[in-house]
Structures are given as structure tokens and as C-alpha cells.
Amino acid sequence: MVTIYPRPEQLAEATAQLQQMAANAMTEPGCDYQTLVVSDDEPGCLTMLEKFVSRAAWDEHMETEHNKRGNETLEPMLAKPSVLRLYTEA
């Protein structure tokens, strides 16, 4: 799960970028799902929900060219750094 804080004036552009990144991730064999949601409690805060078949599949995702390019494009649109949280099913 990644919590993302776009600059208010770039919210629409950041949302479009993140939706494209999610679509790209869904083409990867190890990605079960990746979807962008909006916070009801914190306007302007976005969260990318991701589930990969394994930590190794997520690690591979992080090294894909489309993910690296997507994050480089997104970076200047952010008001502050994103917060990554990794979870394992109980």
C-alpha cells in the first residue's frame, strides 16, 4: 500500500499518471491487482492498493522500466514523499 500526496494543483495529472502505472502493473504476471483509491478522510490524498503473488514478484515490479519511468514522472507532482507500507497475509 502506498499513500501518495500530490500537489493540489497537480492532483488530476498525478491521478492520471498513477492510473496508467496501475494499468501497466496489471500486465505483469505476478500482479494480482493494483488500483488507485481516494481518501474520504484526507482530500487530495491518494492510495495505491497493490497485491502481488510474492515479495519477489513485487521486487521485480519495482525494477520494471515502466515503473521506474512512472515514478520519475510522478516525483515532481508530489507535495511530500509517498509512504510505502508492506503487508503479508496473516
Protein backbone atom coordinates (compact mmCIF):
# COMPACT_ATOMS: atom_id res chain seq x y z
CA MET A 1 0.00 0.00 0.00
CA VAL A 2 1.41 3.37 -0.99
CA THR A 3 -0.03 6.64 0.31
CA ILE A 4 0.60 9.43 -2.19
CA TYR A 5 0.40 13.18 -1.62
CA PRO A 6 0.16 15.08 -4.92
CA ARG A 7 0.48 18.84 -5.11
CA PRO A 8 -3.11 20.18 -5.10
CA GLU A 9 -2.64 21.94 -8.43
CA GLN A 10 -1.41 18.68 -9.99
CA LEU A 11 -3.96 16.28 -8.49
CA ALA A 12 -5.64 15.48 -11.83
CA GLU A 13 -2.31 14.97 -13.61
CA ALA A 14 -0.93 12.81 -10.78
CA THR A 15 -4.13 10.75 -10.71
CA ALA A 16 -3.89 10.09 -14.45
CA GLN A 17 -0.21 9.11 -14.10
CA LEU A 18 -0.98 6.73 -11.25
CA GLN A 19 -3.89 5.15 -13.12
CA GLN A 20 -1.54 4.50 -16.05
CA MET A 21 1.02 2.99 -13.69
CA ALA A 22 -1.66 0.69 -12.24
CA ALA A 23 -2.71 -0.40 -15.73
CA ASN A 24 0.92 -1.18 -16.59
CA ALA A 25 1.36 -3.20 -13.39
CA MET A 26 -1.73 -5.27 -14.19
CA THR A 27 0.09 -6.61 -17.27
CA GLU A 28 2.77 -8.18 -15.06
CA PRO A 29 2.34 -11.91 -14.37
CA GLY A 30 2.97 -11.52 -10.62
CA CYS A 31 0.41 -8.74 -10.07
CA ASP A 32 -2.96 -9.87 -8.67
CA TYR A 33 -4.28 -6.31 -8.60
CA GLN A 34 -3.26 -2.69 -8.40
CA THR A 35 -5.84 0.02 -8.01
CA LEU A 36 -5.87 3.69 -7.06
CA VAL A 37 -8.30 4.90 -4.39
CA VAL A 38 -9.08 8.35 -2.98
CA SER A 39 -9.18 9.08 0.74
CA ASP A 40 -12.58 10.11 2.11
CA ASP A 41 -10.86 11.48 5.24
CA GLU A 42 -7.99 13.37 3.65
CA PRO A 43 -8.86 15.23 0.44
CA GLY A 44 -6.09 15.17 -2.11
CA CYS A 45 -4.52 12.05 -0.60
CA LEU A 46 -4.36 9.01 -2.89
CA THR A 47 -3.58 5.40 -2.05
CA MET A 48 -2.35 2.71 -4.42
CA LEU A 49 -3.53 -0.70 -3.27
CA GLU A 50 -1.36 -3.47 -4.66
CA LYS A 51 -1.27 -7.24 -4.30
CA PHE A 52 1.48 -9.35 -5.80
CA VAL A 53 1.78 -13.13 -5.66
CA SER A 54 5.02 -12.84 -3.68
CA ARG A 55 7.56 -10.38 -2.38
CA ALA A 56 9.84 -11.47 -5.23
CA ALA A 57 7.12 -10.52 -7.75
CA TRP A 58 6.79 -7.09 -6.11
CA ASP A 59 10.58 -6.66 -6.17
CA GLU A 60 10.54 -7.48 -9.90
CA HIS A 61 7.72 -4.96 -10.40
CA MET A 62 9.79 -2.26 -8.74
CA GLU A 63 12.59 -2.88 -11.26
CA THR A 64 10.43 -2.73 -14.40
CA GLU A 65 11.23 0.08 -16.79
CA HIS A 66 7.61 1.28 -16.87
CA ASN A 67 7.50 1.54 -13.07
CA LYS A 68 10.81 3.40 -12.87
CA ARG A 69 9.73 5.85 -15.61
CA GLY A 70 6.32 6.27 -13.99
CA ASN A 71 7.84 7.15 -10.63
CA GLU A 72 10.27 9.60 -12.26
CA THR A 73 7.34 11.32 -13.98
CA LEU A 74 5.30 11.38 -10.75
CA GLU A 75 8.05 12.71 -8.47
CA PRO A 76 7.77 16.44 -9.34
CA MET A 77 3.98 16.25 -8.89
CA LEU A 78 4.29 15.33 -5.21
CA ALA A 79 3.83 17.72 -2.29
CA LYS A 80 5.74 15.35 0.01
CA PRO A 81 7.24 11.86 -0.20
CA SER A 82 4.92 8.89 -0.57
CA VAL A 83 4.60 6.43 2.31
CA LEU A 84 5.07 2.74 1.46
CA ARG A 85 3.69 0.05 3.76
CA LEU A 86 4.31 -3.63 3.04
CA TYR A 87 1.89 -6.24 4.40
CA THR A 88 1.76 -10.03 4.47
CA GLU A 89 -1.46 -12.02 4.78
CA ALA A 90 -2.00 -13.36 8.29
